[in-house]
């Protein structure tokens, strides 16, 4: 085939166009794959954030820090127009990390949101026909499922937790904060949790479908505890 100079120029242009198009597609693919996933925060954290916004108003300076699981938060604000923003942010992070037992990040400084976020419902109403409600275990089944076995699941943002329910009534667990201990008690068809030194004590019914566990409090699905399963025994040596 004879390729004239004009034809060669056209071929070169076509190759350049294809190369440019390929580069654009690669850049778009990179941007999509690296797009930040919105941080999920609980309703309680969101209420604390609203309180922070109310405190700083339009003129005060402040910083709002949140844990990576969206469960814990702390904010600092000041009325001095000359207060140092960096210092406020560092103090909010330090307080949040002490509370959460894990590294926190700044959700907002002043009224500027630094991390995209969504609010995860703490409790979800279910219709009477929902299979979760139909699968609530009775007192004897609850005892067989929990005592001497392990549960593992996730909080928002795929933060994992694991708890072993010792026959003595002790819970030995671990999550992003590290290892911890608590107590549990079976009361009829409910399991009650007692976490020393916190206000996190609560009771729940358990719904079991296959190996999937859901917690219900006052008939509502506990939405921020997810992907929970039961593991026989204590394979992780908790």
C-alpha atoms as a PDB file:
ATOM      1  CA  UNK A   1       0.000   0.000   0.000  1.00  0.00           C
ATOM      2  CA  UNK A   2       1.335   3.390  -0.967  1.00  0.00           C
ATOM      3  CA  UNK A   3       1.030   5.961   1.817  1.00  0.00           C
ATOM      4  CA  UNK A   4       1.244   9.520   0.657  1.00  0.00           C
ATOM      5  CA  UNK A   5       2.401  12.327   2.946  1.00  0.00           C
ATOM      6  CA  UNK A   6      -1.166  13.635   3.412  1.00  0.00           C
ATOM      7  CA  UNK A   7      -2.319  10.136   4.293  1.00  0.00           C
ATOM      8  CA  UNK A   8       0.546   9.776   6.769  1.00  0.00           C
ATOM      9  CA  UNK A   9      -0.462  13.043   8.451  1.00  0.00           C
ATOM     10  CA  UNK A  10      -4.045  11.808   8.752  1.00  0.00           C
ATOM     11  CA  UNK A  11      -2.847   8.521  10.252  1.00  0.00           C
ATOM     12  CA  UNK A  12      -0.652  10.387  12.744  1.00  0.00           C
ATOM     13  CA  UNK A  13      -3.555  12.631  13.745  1.00  0.00           C
ATOM     14  CA  UNK A  14      -5.799   9.605  14.221  1.00  0.00           C
ATOM     15  CA  UNK A  15      -3.196   7.932  16.443  1.00  0.00           C
ATOM     16  CA  UNK A  16      -2.801  11.124  18.471  1.00  0.00           C
ATOM     17  CA  UNK A  17      -6.576  11.380  18.909  1.00  0.00           C
ATOM     18  CA  UNK A  18      -6.756   7.776  20.092  1.00  0.00           C
ATOM     19  CA  UNK A  19      -3.882   8.353  22.519  1.00  0.00           C
ATOM     20  CA  UNK A  20      -5.495  11.516  23.911  1.00  0.00           C
ATOM     21  CA  UNK A  21      -8.822   9.703  24.305  1.00  0.00           C
ATOM     22  CA  UNK A  22      -7.080   6.836  26.106  1.00  0.00           C
ATOM     23  CA  UNK A  23      -5.371   9.271  28.475  1.00  0.00           C
ATOM     24  CA  UNK A  24      -8.683  10.999  29.240  1.00  0.00           C
ATOM     25  CA  UNK A  25     -10.337   7.644  29.975  1.00  0.00           C
ATOM     26  CA  UNK A  26      -7.465   6.657  32.270  1.00  0.00           C
ATOM     27  CA  UNK A  27      -7.697   9.950  34.165  1.00  0.00           C
ATOM     28  CA  UNK A  28     -11.473   9.579  34.555  1.00  0.00           C
ATOM     29  CA  UNK A  29     -11.049   6.001  35.778  1.00  0.00           C
ATOM     30  CA  UNK A  30      -8.437   7.163  38.299  1.00  0.00           C
ATOM     31  CA  UNK A  31     -10.700   9.949  39.571  1.00  0.00           C
ATOM     32  CA  UNK A  32     -13.689   7.622  39.953  1.00  0.00           C
ATOM     33  CA  UNK A  33     -11.654   4.916  41.708  1.00  0.00           C
ATOM     34  CA  UNK A  34     -10.107   7.452  44.110  1.00  0.00           C
ATOM     35  CA  UNK A  35     -13.260   9.441  44.833  1.00  0.00           C
ATOM     36  CA  UNK A  36     -13.567   9.803  48.591  1.00  0.00           C
ATOM     37  CA  UNK A  37     -16.299   7.752  50.179  1.00  0.00           C
ATOM     38  CA  UNK A  38     -18.529   9.844  52.429  1.00  0.00           C
ATOM     39  CA  UNK A  39     -17.960   9.250  56.137  1.00  0.00           C
ATOM     40  CA  UNK A  40     -21.001   7.831  57.921  1.00  0.00           C
ATOM     41  CA  UNK A  41     -21.736   9.413  61.285  1.00  0.00           C
ATOM     42  CA  UNK A  42     -24.369   8.348  63.793  1.00  0.00           C
ATOM     43  CA  UNK A  43     -27.410  10.416  64.680  1.00  0.00           C
ATOM     44  CA  UNK A  44     -25.838  11.195  68.060  1.00  0.00           C
ATOM     45  CA  UNK A  45     -22.679  12.527  66.367  1.00  0.00           C
ATOM     46  CA  UNK A  46     -24.814  14.579  63.991  1.00  0.00           C
ATOM     47  CA  UNK A  47     -26.731  16.072  66.938  1.00  0.00           C
ATOM     48  CA  UNK A  48     -23.387  17.024  68.488  1.00  0.00           C
ATOM     49  CA  UNK A  49     -22.367  18.636  65.190  1.00  0.00           C
ATOM     50  CA  UNK A  50     -25.584  20.671  65.125  1.00  0.00           C
ATOM     51  CA  UNK A  51     -24.859  21.803  68.705  1.00  0.00           C
ATOM     52  CA  UNK A  52     -21.377  22.856  67.550  1.00  0.00           C
ATOM     53  CA  UNK A  53     -22.795  24.925  64.682  1.00  0.00           C
ATOM     54  CA  UNK A  54     -25.219  26.595  67.086  1.00  0.00           C
ATOM     55  CA  UNK A  55     -22.388  27.453  69.494  1.00  0.00           C
ATOM     56  CA  UNK A  56     -20.094  29.040  66.923  1.00  0.00           C
ATOM     57  CA  UNK A  57     -22.843  30.925  65.106  1.00  0.00           C
ATOM     58  CA  UNK A  58     -21.567  33.151  62.317  1.00  0.00           C
ATOM     59  CA  UNK A  59     -18.644  34.810  64.103  1.00  0.00           C
ATOM     60  CA  UNK A  60     -16.936  32.380  66.491  1.00  0.00           C
ATOM     61  CA  UNK A  61     -14.072  30.061  65.601  1.00  0.00           C
ATOM     62  CA  UNK A  62     -14.149  26.340  66.281  1.00  0.00           C
ATOM     63  CA  UNK A  63     -13.258  22.813  65.218  1.00  0.00           C
ATOM     64  CA  UNK A  64     -15.271  19.593  65.189  1.00  0.00           C
ATOM     65  CA  UNK A  65     -13.442  16.244  65.299  1.00  0.00           C
ATOM     66  CA  UNK A  66     -14.928  12.790  64.686  1.00  0.00           C
ATOM     67  CA  UNK A  67     -13.677   9.214  65.040  1.00  0.00           C
ATOM     68  CA  UNK A  68     -13.227   7.072  61.898  1.00  0.00           C
ATOM     69  CA  UNK A  69     -16.212   4.888  62.836  1.00  0.00           C
ATOM     70  CA  UNK A  70     -18.467   7.963  63.150  1.00  0.00           C
ATOM     71  CA  UNK A  71     -19.477   7.033  66.701  1.00  0.00           C
ATOM     72  CA  UNK A  72     -17.487   9.599  68.718  1.00  0.00           C
ATOM     73  CA  UNK A  73     -16.956  13.338  68.369  1.00  0.00           C
ATOM     74  CA  UNK A  74     -15.691  16.412  70.191  1.00  0.00           C
ATOM     75  CA  UNK A  75     -15.762  20.098  69.430  1.00  0.00           C
ATOM     76  CA  UNK A  76     -13.946  23.197  70.644  1.00  0.00           C
ATOM     77  CA  UNK A  77     -14.856  26.838  70.040  1.00  0.00           C
ATOM     78  CA  UNK A  78     -13.658  30.229  71.198  1.00  0.00           C
ATOM     79  CA  UNK A  79     -14.997  33.759  71.157  1.00  0.00           C
ATOM     80  CA  UNK A  80     -11.637  35.477  70.716  1.00  0.00           C
ATOM     81  CA  UNK A  81     -11.251  36.760  67.172  1.00  0.00           C
ATOM     82  CA  UNK A  82      -7.504  36.215  67.435  1.00  0.00           C
ATOM     83  CA  UNK A  83      -7.595  32.582  68.612  1.00  0.00           C
ATOM     84  CA  UNK A  84      -5.338  30.292  66.596  1.00  0.00           C
ATOM     85  CA  UNK A  85      -7.266  27.929  64.326  1.00  0.00           C
ATOM     86  CA  UNK A  86      -4.493  25.334  64.343  1.00  0.00           C
ATOM     87  CA  UNK A  87      -4.498  25.153  68.131  1.00  0.00           C
ATOM     88  CA  UNK A  88      -8.275  24.708  68.249  1.00  0.00           C
ATOM     89  CA  UNK A  89      -8.110  21.889  65.722  1.00  0.00           C
ATOM     90  CA  UNK A  90      -5.344  20.083  67.582  1.00  0.00           C
ATOM     91  CA  UNK A  91      -7.232  20.328  70.874  1.00  0.00           C
ATOM     92  CA  UNK A  92     -10.442  18.984  69.311  1.00  0.00           C
ATOM     93  CA  UNK A  93      -8.508  16.072  67.795  1.00  0.00           C
ATOM     94  CA  UNK A  94      -6.783  15.282  71.093  1.00  0.00           C
ATOM     95  CA  UNK A  95     -10.057  15.308  73.067  1.00  0.00           C
ATOM     96  CA  UNK A  96     -11.810  13.183  70.447  1.00  0.00           C
ATOM     97  CA  UNK A  97      -8.979  10.662  70.383  1.00  0.00           C
ATOM     98  CA  UNK A  98      -9.048  10.354  74.177  1.00  0.00           C
ATOM     99  CA  UNK A  99     -12.784   9.715  74.068  1.00  0.00           C
ATOM    100  CA  UNK A 100     -12.732   7.336  71.112  1.00  0.00           C
ATOM    101  CA  UNK A 101      -9.483   5.519  71.875  1.00  0.00           C
ATOM    102  CA  UNK A 102      -8.474   5.902  68.236  1.00  0.00           C
ATOM    103  CA  UNK A 103      -7.184   8.549  65.861  1.00  0.00           C
ATOM    104  CA  UNK A 104      -9.787  11.164  64.915  1.00  0.00           C
ATOM    105  CA  UNK A 105     -10.087  13.586  62.008  1.00  0.00           C
ATOM    106  CA  UNK A 106     -11.492  17.093  61.609  1.00  0.00           C
ATOM    107  CA  UNK A 107     -14.967  17.046  60.148  1.00  0.00           C
ATOM    108  CA  UNK A 108     -15.208  20.847  60.163  1.00  0.00           C
ATOM    109  CA  UNK A 109     -13.305  23.976  61.056  1.00  0.00           C
ATOM    110  CA  UNK A 110     -15.460  27.017  61.780  1.00  0.00           C
ATOM    111  CA  UNK A 111     -18.452  26.371  59.481  1.00  0.00           C
ATOM    112  CA  UNK A 112     -16.397  24.837  56.689  1.00  0.00           C
ATOM    113  CA  UNK A 113     -17.008  21.104  56.189  1.00  0.00           C
ATOM    114  CA  UNK A 114     -13.710  19.352  55.507  1.00  0.00           C
ATOM    115  CA  UNK A 115     -15.035  15.802  55.080  1.00  0.00           C
ATOM    116  CA  UNK A 116     -18.104  14.780  53.116  1.00  0.00           C
ATOM    117  CA  UNK A 117     -20.454  12.886  55.408  1.00  0.00           C
ATOM    118  CA  UNK A 118     -23.829  11.177  55.617  1.00  0.00           C
ATOM    119  CA  UNK A 119     -25.937  10.427  58.698  1.00  0.00           C
ATOM    120  CA  UNK A 120     -26.622   6.764  59.465  1.00  0.00           C
ATOM    121  CA  UNK A 121     -29.880   6.066  61.275  1.00  0.00           C
ATOM    122  CA  UNK A 122     -29.368   4.623  64.767  1.00  0.00           C
ATOM    123  CA  UNK A 123     -32.743   2.840  64.749  1.00  0.00           C
ATOM    124  CA  UNK A 124     -35.011   1.869  61.847  1.00  0.00           C
ATOM    125  CA  UNK A 125     -38.746   1.200  61.996  1.00  0.00           C
ATOM    126  CA  UNK A 126     -39.758  -2.128  60.475  1.00  0.00           C
ATOM    127  CA  UNK A 127     -43.080  -3.145  58.978  1.00  0.00           C
ATOM    128  CA  UNK A 128     -44.965  -5.862  60.905  1.00  0.00           C
ATOM    129  CA  UNK A 129     -44.420  -8.241  57.992  1.00  0.00           C
ATOM    130  CA  UNK A 130     -40.645  -7.831  57.972  1.00  0.00           C
ATOM    131  CA  UNK A 131     -38.747 -11.126  58.144  1.00  0.00           C
ATOM    132  CA  UNK A 132     -36.426  -9.645  60.778  1.00  0.00           C
ATOM    133  CA  UNK A 133     -39.343  -9.317  63.218  1.00  0.00           C
ATOM    134  CA  UNK A 134     -40.580 -12.790  62.357  1.00  0.00           C
ATOM    135  CA  UNK A 135     -37.155 -14.273  63.144  1.00  0.00           C
ATOM    136  CA  UNK A 136     -36.684 -13.019  66.734  1.00  0.00           C
ATOM    137  CA  UNK A 137     -35.335 -15.865  68.876  1.00  0.00           C
ATOM    138  CA  UNK A 138     -36.899 -16.965  72.160  1.00  0.00           C
ATOM    139  CA  UNK A 139     -35.159 -17.124  75.554  1.00  0.00           C
ATOM    140  CA  UNK A 140     -33.833 -20.669  75.136  1.00  0.00           C
ATOM    141  CA  UNK A 141     -32.581 -20.028  71.598  1.00  0.00           C
ATOM    142  CA  UNK A 142     -30.922 -16.794  72.749  1.00  0.00           C
ATOM    143  CA  UNK A 143     -29.007 -18.669  75.434  1.00  0.00           C
ATOM    144  CA  UNK A 144     -27.832 -21.332  72.989  1.00  0.00           C
ATOM    145  CA  UNK A 145     -26.717 -18.727  70.456  1.00  0.00           C
ATOM    146  CA  UNK A 146     -24.794 -16.411  72.766  1.00  0.00           C
ATOM    147  CA  UNK A 147     -23.388 -18.153  75.851  1.00  0.00           C
ATOM    148  CA  UNK A 148     -19.922 -19.515  75.150  1.00  0.00           C
ATOM    149  CA  UNK A 149     -19.880 -18.152  71.598  1.00  0.00           C
ATOM    150  CA  UNK A 150     -18.477 -15.171  69.702  1.00  0.00           C
ATOM    151  CA  UNK A 151     -20.203 -12.465  67.680  1.00  0.00           C
ATOM    152  CA  UNK A 152     -18.475 -10.283  65.140  1.00  0.00           C
ATOM    153  CA  UNK A 153     -19.829  -7.462  63.026  1.00  0.00           C
ATOM    154  CA  UNK A 154     -19.282  -3.928  61.797  1.00  0.00           C
ATOM    155  CA  UNK A 155     -20.034  -0.366  62.838  1.00  0.00           C
ATOM    156  CA  UNK A 156     -20.543   2.353  60.196  1.00  0.00           C
ATOM    157  CA  UNK A 157     -17.631   2.815  57.782  1.00  0.00           C
ATOM    158  CA  UNK A 158     -16.840  -0.941  57.908  1.00  0.00           C
ATOM    159  CA  UNK A 159     -15.155  -0.689  61.329  1.00  0.00           C
ATOM    160  CA  UNK A 160     -15.086  -4.214  62.742  1.00  0.00           C
ATOM    161  CA  UNK A 161     -15.810  -5.449  66.270  1.00  0.00           C
ATOM    162  CA  UNK A 162     -15.780  -8.857  67.951  1.00  0.00           C
ATOM    163  CA  UNK A 163     -17.116 -10.055  71.326  1.00  0.00           C
ATOM    164  CA  UNK A 164     -16.890 -13.366  73.173  1.00  0.00           C
ATOM    165  CA  UNK A 165     -19.708 -14.116  75.638  1.00  0.00           C
ATOM    166  CA  UNK A 166     -18.157 -16.054  78.480  1.00  0.00           C
ATOM    167  CA  UNK A 167     -20.549 -18.328  80.444  1.00  0.00           C
ATOM    168  CA  UNK A 168     -19.630 -16.302  83.562  1.00  0.00           C
ATOM    169  CA  UNK A 169     -21.457 -13.271  82.128  1.00  0.00           C
ATOM    170  CA  UNK A 170     -18.284 -11.456  81.048  1.00  0.00           C
ATOM    171  CA  UNK A 171     -17.836  -9.995  77.577  1.00  0.00           C
ATOM    172  CA  UNK A 172     -14.308  -9.881  76.191  1.00  0.00           C
ATOM    173  CA  UNK A 173     -14.119  -7.888  72.989  1.00  0.00           C
ATOM    174  CA  UNK A 174     -11.988  -5.885  70.620  1.00  0.00           C
ATOM    175  CA  UNK A 175     -12.605  -3.175  68.038  1.00  0.00           C
ATOM    176  CA  UNK A 176     -10.781  -0.196  66.549  1.00  0.00           C
ATOM    177  CA  UNK A 177     -10.136   1.125  70.061  1.00  0.00           C
ATOM    178  CA  UNK A 178      -8.436  -2.089  71.163  1.00  0.00           C
ATOM    179  CA  UNK A 179      -9.493  -4.757  73.649  1.00  0.00           C
ATOM    180  CA  UNK A 180     -12.216  -4.175  76.240  1.00  0.00           C
ATOM    181  CA  UNK A 181     -14.390  -6.031  78.729  1.00  0.00           C
ATOM    182  CA  UNK A 182     -18.022  -5.675  79.762  1.00  0.00           C
ATOM    183  CA  UNK A 183     -20.859  -7.700  81.251  1.00  0.00           C
ATOM    184  CA  UNK A 184     -24.005  -9.217  79.810  1.00  0.00           C
ATOM    185  CA  UNK A 185     -27.169 -10.703  81.259  1.00  0.00           C
ATOM    186  CA  UNK A 186     -29.969 -12.656  79.596  1.00  0.00           C
ATOM    187  CA  UNK A 187     -33.417 -11.409  80.577  1.00  0.00           C
ATOM    188  CA  UNK A 188     -36.081 -13.493  78.890  1.00  0.00           C
ATOM    189  CA  UNK A 189     -35.682 -13.030  75.129  1.00  0.00           C
ATOM    190  CA  UNK A 190     -33.346 -10.042  75.546  1.00  0.00           C
ATOM    191  CA  UNK A 191     -29.608  -9.714  76.064  1.00  0.00           C
ATOM    192  CA  UNK A 192     -28.563  -6.720  78.184  1.00  0.00           C
ATOM    193  CA  UNK A 193     -25.134  -5.111  77.889  1.00  0.00           C
ATOM    194  CA  UNK A 194     -23.313  -3.342  80.729  1.00  0.00           C
ATOM    195  CA  UNK A 195     -20.238  -1.360  79.661  1.00  0.00           C
ATOM    196  CA  UNK A 196     -18.482  -0.066  82.787  1.00  0.00           C
ATOM    197  CA  UNK A 197     -17.871   3.665  82.957  1.00  0.00           C
ATOM    198  CA  UNK A 198     -20.073   4.531  79.966  1.00  0.00           C
ATOM    199  CA  UNK A 199     -23.679   5.442  79.205  1.00  0.00           C
ATOM    200  CA  UNK A 200     -23.828   2.762  76.502  1.00  0.00           C
ATOM    201  CA  UNK A 201     -25.791   0.164  78.534  1.00  0.00           C
ATOM    202  CA  UNK A 202     -28.734  -1.253  76.615  1.00  0.00           C
ATOM    203  CA  UNK A 203     -30.901  -4.350  76.031  1.00  0.00           C
ATOM    204  CA  UNK A 204     -31.858  -5.949  72.732  1.00  0.00           C
ATOM    205  CA  UNK A 205     -33.706  -8.810  71.139  1.00  0.00           C
ATOM    206  CA  UNK A 206     -31.885 -10.849  68.533  1.00  0.00           C
ATOM    207  CA  UNK A 207     -33.245 -11.841  65.144  1.00  0.00           C
ATOM    208  CA  UNK A 208     -31.533 -14.793  63.467  1.00  0.00           C
ATOM    209  CA  UNK A 209     -31.795 -15.621  59.780  1.00  0.00           C
ATOM    210  CA  UNK A 210     -29.306 -18.271  58.764  1.00  0.00           C
ATOM    211  CA  UNK A 211     -26.096 -17.063  60.390  1.00  0.00           C
ATOM    212  CA  UNK A 212     -27.020 -13.379  60.104  1.00  0.00           C
ATOM    213  CA  UNK A 213     -27.782 -11.565  63.361  1.00  0.00           C
ATOM    214  CA  UNK A 214     -29.796  -8.375  63.758  1.00  0.00           C
ATOM    215  CA  UNK A 215     -30.336  -6.469  67.001  1.00  0.00           C
ATOM    216  CA  UNK A 216     -33.674  -4.882  67.880  1.00  0.00           C
ATOM    217  CA  UNK A 217     -34.256  -2.320  70.609  1.00  0.00           C
ATOM    218  CA  UNK A 218     -37.872  -1.483  71.485  1.00  0.00           C
ATOM    219  CA  UNK A 219     -38.937  -3.217  68.281  1.00  0.00           C
ATOM    220  CA  UNK A 220     -36.666  -1.086  66.080  1.00  0.00           C
ATOM    221  CA  UNK A 221     -33.718  -2.367  64.069  1.00  0.00           C
ATOM    222  CA  UNK A 222     -30.380  -1.197  65.480  1.00  0.00           C
ATOM    223  CA  UNK A 223     -29.023   0.101  62.184  1.00  0.00           C
ATOM    224  CA  UNK A 224     -25.476   1.085  63.129  1.00  0.00           C
ATOM    225  CA  UNK A 225     -24.545  -2.525  64.029  1.00  0.00           C
ATOM    226  CA  UNK A 226     -24.192  -4.400  60.756  1.00  0.00           C
ATOM    227  CA  UNK A 227     -23.137  -7.655  59.140  1.00  0.00           C
ATOM    228  CA  UNK A 228     -23.169  -9.489  62.456  1.00  0.00           C
ATOM    229  CA  UNK A 229     -22.626 -13.236  62.573  1.00  0.00           C
ATOM    230  CA  UNK A 230     -22.221 -15.807  65.346  1.00  0.00           C
ATOM    231  CA  UNK A 231     -19.039 -17.892  65.530  1.00  0.00           C
ATOM    232  CA  UNK A 232     -19.144 -21.024  67.688  1.00  0.00           C
ATOM    233  CA  UNK A 233     -16.794 -20.976  70.672  1.00  0.00           C
ATOM    234  CA  UNK A 234     -13.887 -18.580  71.081  1.00  0.00           C
ATOM    235  CA  UNK A 235     -11.626 -19.173  68.085  1.00  0.00           C
ATOM    236  CA  UNK A 236      -9.849 -15.810  68.475  1.00  0.00           C
ATOM    237  CA  UNK A 237      -8.890 -16.512  72.097  1.00  0.00           C
ATOM    238  CA  UNK A 238     -10.587 -13.455  73.557  1.00  0.00           C
END
